[in-house]
Amino acid sequence: MEIEVDSQLLKSPVALEIRHHLEEWVKSRCPDHLGPIMEISKN
């Protein structure tokens, strides 16, 4: 499945905060392999 999201929505303060929380959660659960992937991922 593929979806598109308006780029303005992705840059909104709420979206940036959610992304930050998700990145921190992934890093804390999978620091060895998914943490570095999240840092370079644009999705």
N, C-alpha and C. Protein backbone atom coordinates (compact mmCIF):
# COMPACT_ATOMS: atom_id res chain seq x y z
N MET A 1 0.85 -1.16 0.00
CA MET A 1 0.00 0.00 0.00
C MET A 1 0.90 1.23 0.00
N GLU A 2 0.49 2.22 -0.74
CA GLU A 2 1.27 3.46 -0.80
C GLU A 2 0.33 4.62 -0.55
N ILE A 3 0.76 5.56 0.28
CA ILE A 3 -0.04 6.75 0.55
C ILE A 3 0.83 7.98 0.38
N GLU A 4 0.20 9.10 0.18
CA GLU A 4 0.91 10.37 0.12
C GLU A 4 0.37 11.27 1.20
N VAL A 5 1.26 12.06 1.77
CA VAL A 5 0.88 13.01 2.81
C VAL A 5 1.38 14.38 2.37
N ASP A 6 0.56 15.38 2.54
CA ASP A 6 0.92 16.74 2.18
C ASP A 6 2.21 17.15 2.90
N SER A 7 3.15 17.70 2.17
CA SER A 7 4.45 18.05 2.75
C SER A 7 4.32 19.10 3.85
N GLN A 8 3.33 19.98 3.75
CA GLN A 8 3.12 20.97 4.80
C GLN A 8 2.74 20.29 6.12
N LEU A 9 1.95 19.25 6.02
CA LEU A 9 1.56 18.50 7.21
C LEU A 9 2.78 17.84 7.85
N LEU A 10 3.67 17.28 7.03
CA LEU A 10 4.86 16.61 7.55
C LEU A 10 5.80 17.57 8.25
N LYS A 11 5.75 18.84 7.90
CA LYS A 11 6.64 19.84 8.49
C LYS A 11 5.98 20.60 9.64
N SER A 12 4.75 20.24 9.97
CA SER A 12 4.06 20.92 11.06
C SER A 12 4.70 20.56 12.40
N PRO A 13 4.57 21.43 13.39
CA PRO A 13 5.17 21.16 14.70
C PRO A 13 4.71 19.84 15.32
N VAL A 14 3.44 19.51 15.16
CA VAL A 14 2.92 18.26 15.74
C VAL A 14 3.56 17.06 15.05
N ALA A 15 3.64 17.09 13.72
CA ALA A 15 4.24 15.98 12.99
C ALA A 15 5.71 15.81 13.34
N LEU A 16 6.43 16.91 13.48
CA LEU A 16 7.85 16.83 13.85
C LEU A 16 8.02 16.26 15.26
N GLU A 17 7.12 16.64 16.16
CA GLU A 17 7.20 16.10 17.52
C GLU A 17 6.90 14.60 17.53
N ILE A 18 5.89 14.18 16.77
CA ILE A 18 5.56 12.75 16.69
C ILE A 18 6.73 11.98 16.11
N ARG A 19 7.32 12.50 15.04
CA ARG A 19 8.47 11.82 14.43
C ARG A 19 9.62 11.69 15.43
N HIS A 20 9.88 12.76 16.18
CA HIS A 20 10.95 12.73 17.18
C HIS A 20 10.69 11.64 18.22
N HIS A 21 9.46 11.56 18.70
CA HIS A 21 9.12 10.54 19.70
C HIS A 21 9.27 9.13 19.12
N LEU A 22 8.83 8.95 17.88
CA LEU A 22 8.96 7.64 17.25
C LEU A 22 10.43 7.26 17.05
N GLU A 23 11.25 8.22 16.64
CA GLU A 23 12.67 7.94 16.45
C GLU A 23 13.32 7.56 17.77
N GLU A 24 13.01 8.28 18.83
CA GLU A 24 13.57 7.97 20.14
C GLU A 24 13.12 6.60 20.62
N TRP A 25 11.86 6.26 20.38
CA TRP A 25 11.35 4.96 20.79
C TRP A 25 12.08 3.84 20.06
N VAL A 26 12.26 4.00 18.74
CA VAL A 26 12.96 2.97 17.96
C VAL A 26 14.40 2.84 18.43
N LYS A 27 15.08 3.96 18.65
CA LYS A 27 16.47 3.92 19.12
C LYS A 27 16.58 3.21 20.47
N SER A 28 15.61 3.44 21.34
CA SER A 28 15.68 2.82 22.67
C SER A 28 15.37 1.33 22.63
N ARG A 29 14.58 0.89 21.65
CA ARG A 29 14.22 -0.52 21.57
C ARG A 29 15.20 -1.32 20.71
N CYS A 30 15.78 -0.70 19.72
CA CYS A 30 16.63 -1.40 18.76
C CYS A 30 17.89 -0.57 18.47
N PRO A 31 18.68 -0.26 19.46
CA PRO A 31 19.79 0.66 19.25
C PRO A 31 20.88 0.15 18.30
N ASP A 32 21.05 -1.16 18.19
CA ASP A 32 22.15 -1.69 17.39
C ASP A 32 21.91 -1.66 15.89
N HIS A 33 20.67 -1.88 15.45
CA HIS A 33 20.46 -1.96 14.02
C HIS A 33 19.45 -0.95 13.48
N LEU A 34 18.37 -0.68 14.20
CA LEU A 34 17.39 0.25 13.67
C LEU A 34 17.69 1.71 14.00
N GLY A 35 18.39 1.95 15.08
CA GLY A 35 18.73 3.33 15.44
C GLY A 35 19.47 4.05 14.33
N PRO A 36 20.58 3.50 13.83
CA PRO A 36 21.31 4.16 12.74
C PRO A 36 20.48 4.28 11.45
N ILE A 37 19.64 3.29 11.20
CA ILE A 37 18.79 3.33 10.00
C ILE A 37 17.80 4.50 10.11
N MET A 38 17.22 4.72 11.29
CA MET A 38 16.28 5.81 11.48
C MET A 38 16.95 7.17 11.27
N GLU A 39 18.22 7.28 11.65
CA GLU A 39 18.91 8.55 11.51
C GLU A 39 19.09 8.96 10.05
N ILE A 40 19.27 7.97 9.16
CA ILE A 40 19.49 8.31 7.77
C ILE A 40 18.23 8.19 6.91
N SER A 41 17.17 7.64 7.48
CA SER A 41 15.93 7.43 6.74
C SER A 41 15.18 8.75 6.57
N LYS A 42 14.61 8.93 5.41
CA LYS A 42 13.80 10.13 5.15
C LYS A 42 12.32 9.83 5.27
N ASN A 43 11.95 8.60 5.54
CA ASN A 43 10.54 8.22 5.62
C ASN A 43 10.06 8.26 7.04
